Amino acid sequence: MTTRYYRGLEVLYALDEPKTVEKLSTALELDIEECADRVTYLEVFDRVSKVGETVYLAK
């Protein structure tokens, strides 16, 4: 679980503004499926929200 948590943090740090999963995956040098998995993990804990393909930091 700890590894998954830290991988989620990488996504949070990359979200300086709303971005698509594709742009996030490019910024993090991940494949899209891995990035989408991390975003889904963060959604479970209400750290981000996803509208369409755009990911936003939760308020």
N, C-alpha and C. Protein backbone atom coordinates (compact mmCIF):
# COMPACT_ATOMS: atom_id res chain seq x y z
N MET A 1 0.82 -1.19 0.00
CA MET A 1 0.00 0.00 0.00
C MET A 1 0.87 1.26 0.00
N THR A 2 1.97 1.24 0.69
CA THR A 2 2.83 2.42 0.76
C THR A 2 3.32 2.83 -0.61
N THR A 3 3.73 1.87 -1.42
CA THR A 3 4.21 2.18 -2.77
C THR A 3 3.11 2.83 -3.58
N ARG A 4 1.92 2.30 -3.48
CA ARG A 4 0.79 2.87 -4.23
C ARG A 4 0.49 4.30 -3.77
N TYR A 5 0.62 4.53 -2.47
CA TYR A 5 0.41 5.87 -1.92
C TYR A 5 1.41 6.86 -2.53
N TYR A 6 2.68 6.50 -2.54
CA TYR A 6 3.71 7.39 -3.09
C TYR A 6 3.55 7.60 -4.58
N ARG A 7 3.09 6.60 -5.28
CA ARG A 7 2.83 6.76 -6.71
C ARG A 7 1.67 7.73 -6.93
N GLY A 8 0.70 7.70 -6.03
CA GLY A 8 -0.39 8.67 -6.10
C GLY A 8 0.10 10.09 -5.84
N LEU A 9 1.06 10.23 -4.92
CA LEU A 9 1.61 11.54 -4.63
C LEU A 9 2.28 12.15 -5.85
N GLU A 10 2.93 11.32 -6.65
CA GLU A 10 3.55 11.82 -7.87
C GLU A 10 2.53 12.51 -8.76
N VAL A 11 1.34 11.92 -8.84
CA VAL A 11 0.28 12.52 -9.65
C VAL A 11 -0.17 13.83 -9.03
N LEU A 12 -0.35 13.86 -7.72
CA LEU A 12 -0.78 15.09 -7.05
C LEU A 12 0.21 16.23 -7.29
N TYR A 13 1.49 15.95 -7.19
CA TYR A 13 2.50 16.97 -7.42
C TYR A 13 2.51 17.46 -8.86
N ALA A 14 2.15 16.62 -9.79
CA ALA A 14 2.13 17.00 -11.20
C ALA A 14 0.90 17.82 -11.56
N LEU A 15 -0.11 17.83 -10.69
CA LEU A 15 -1.35 18.55 -10.98
C LEU A 15 -1.28 20.00 -10.50
N ASP A 16 -0.41 20.79 -11.09
CA ASP A 16 -0.33 22.20 -10.75
C ASP A 16 -1.49 22.97 -11.37
N GLU A 17 -2.15 22.34 -12.33
CA GLU A 17 -3.36 22.86 -12.97
C GLU A 17 -4.13 21.65 -13.50
N PRO A 18 -5.41 21.80 -13.81
CA PRO A 18 -6.14 20.65 -14.38
C PRO A 18 -5.46 20.15 -15.65
N LYS A 19 -5.34 18.83 -15.75
CA LYS A 19 -4.70 18.22 -16.91
C LYS A 19 -5.45 16.97 -17.32
N THR A 20 -5.31 16.63 -18.58
CA THR A 20 -5.88 15.36 -19.04
C THR A 20 -4.99 14.22 -18.56
N VAL A 21 -5.53 13.03 -18.55
CA VAL A 21 -4.76 11.85 -18.19
C VAL A 21 -3.58 11.70 -19.14
N GLU A 22 -3.79 12.01 -20.40
CA GLU A 22 -2.72 11.90 -21.39
C GLU A 22 -1.57 12.86 -21.07
N LYS A 23 -1.90 14.11 -20.72
CA LYS A 23 -0.84 15.08 -20.38
C LYS A 23 -0.14 14.68 -19.08
N LEU A 24 -0.89 14.17 -18.13
CA LEU A 24 -0.28 13.69 -16.89
C LEU A 24 0.68 12.54 -17.16
N SER A 25 0.25 11.61 -17.98
CA SER A 25 1.10 10.46 -18.28
C SER A 25 2.39 10.89 -18.98
N THR A 26 2.29 11.88 -19.84
CA THR A 26 3.48 12.41 -20.51
C THR A 26 4.40 13.10 -19.50
N ALA A 27 3.83 13.92 -18.63
CA ALA A 27 4.63 14.64 -17.63
C ALA A 27 5.33 13.68 -16.68
N LEU A 28 4.68 12.57 -16.36
CA LEU A 28 5.24 11.60 -15.42
C LEU A 28 6.01 10.47 -16.11
N GLU A 29 6.01 10.50 -17.43
CA GLU A 29 6.65 9.46 -18.23
C GLU A 29 6.11 8.08 -17.89
N LEU A 30 4.78 7.99 -17.87
CA LEU A 30 4.07 6.73 -17.60
C LEU A 30 3.21 6.39 -18.80
N ASP A 31 2.85 5.11 -18.92
CA ASP A 31 1.86 4.80 -19.95
C ASP A 31 0.49 5.25 -19.42
N ILE A 32 -0.41 5.45 -20.33
CA ILE A 32 -1.72 6.02 -19.98
C ILE A 32 -2.47 5.14 -18.99
N GLU A 33 -2.39 3.82 -19.15
CA GLU A 33 -3.12 2.92 -18.25
C GLU A 33 -2.61 3.04 -16.81
N GLU A 34 -1.30 3.14 -16.63
CA GLU A 34 -0.72 3.29 -15.29
C GLU A 34 -1.15 4.62 -14.68
N CYS A 35 -1.13 5.66 -15.45
CA CYS A 35 -1.54 6.98 -14.97
C CYS A 35 -3.02 6.97 -14.59
N ALA A 36 -3.85 6.38 -15.43
CA ALA A 36 -5.28 6.29 -15.15
C ALA A 36 -5.54 5.50 -13.88
N ASP A 37 -4.76 4.44 -13.64
CA ASP A 37 -4.89 3.65 -12.41
C ASP A 37 -4.56 4.50 -11.19
N ARG A 38 -3.53 5.31 -11.29
CA ARG A 38 -3.16 6.18 -10.16
C ARG A 38 -4.24 7.23 -9.89
N VAL A 39 -4.81 7.78 -10.96
CA VAL A 39 -5.88 8.76 -10.80
C VAL A 39 -7.09 8.10 -10.14
N THR A 40 -7.44 6.90 -10.56
CA THR A 40 -8.56 6.17 -9.95
C THR A 40 -8.32 5.94 -8.48
N TYR A 41 -7.10 5.57 -8.12
CA TYR A 41 -6.73 5.38 -6.71
C TYR A 41 -6.96 6.67 -5.92
N LEU A 42 -6.55 7.80 -6.47
CA LEU A 42 -6.72 9.08 -5.78
C LEU A 42 -8.19 9.49 -5.70
N GLU A 43 -8.98 9.12 -6.69
CA GLU A 43 -10.42 9.42 -6.67
C GLU A 43 -11.10 8.71 -5.50
N VAL A 44 -10.68 7.51 -5.19
CA VAL A 44 -11.27 6.73 -4.10
C VAL A 44 -11.15 7.50 -2.78
N PHE A 45 -10.06 8.22 -2.61
CA PHE A 45 -9.82 8.97 -1.37
C PHE A 45 -10.16 10.45 -1.51
N ASP A 46 -10.89 10.80 -2.56
CA ASP A 46 -11.33 12.18 -2.80
C ASP A 46 -10.19 13.19 -2.86
N ARG A 47 -9.05 12.78 -3.38
CA ARG A 47 -7.91 13.69 -3.54
C ARG A 47 -7.96 14.40 -4.89
N VAL A 48 -8.58 13.76 -5.88
CA VAL A 48 -8.76 14.36 -7.20
C VAL A 48 -10.17 14.04 -7.68
N SER A 49 -10.60 14.80 -8.67
CA SER A 49 -11.85 14.47 -9.36
C SER A 49 -11.56 14.47 -10.84
N LYS A 50 -12.30 13.67 -11.56
CA LYS A 50 -12.09 13.53 -13.00
C LYS A 50 -13.40 13.83 -13.70
N VAL A 51 -13.36 14.78 -14.61
CA VAL A 51 -14.52 15.13 -15.42
C VAL A 51 -14.12 14.88 -16.86
N GLY A 52 -14.70 13.86 -17.47
CA GLY A 52 -14.27 13.45 -18.80
C GLY A 52 -12.87 12.90 -18.69
N GLU A 53 -11.95 13.46 -19.42
CA GLU A 53 -10.54 13.03 -19.35
C GLU A 53 -9.70 14.00 -18.53
N THR A 54 -10.30 15.08 -18.01
CA THR A 54 -9.55 16.08 -17.25
C THR A 54 -9.57 15.79 -15.77
N VAL A 55 -8.39 15.86 -15.15
CA VAL A 55 -8.23 15.58 -13.73
C VAL A 55 -8.01 16.89 -12.99
N TYR A 56 -8.74 17.07 -11.89
CA TYR A 56 -8.66 18.27 -11.06
C TYR A 56 -8.30 17.89 -9.64
N LEU A 57 -7.57 18.75 -8.95
CA LEU A 57 -7.35 18.55 -7.53
C LEU A 57 -8.68 18.75 -6.81
N ALA A 58 -8.94 17.93 -5.82
CA ALA A 58 -10.17 18.06 -5.04
C ALA A 58 -10.08 19.32 -4.19
N LYS A 59 -11.21 19.92 -3.95
CA LYS A 59 -11.25 21.14 -3.12
C LYS A 59 -11.59 20.81 -1.72
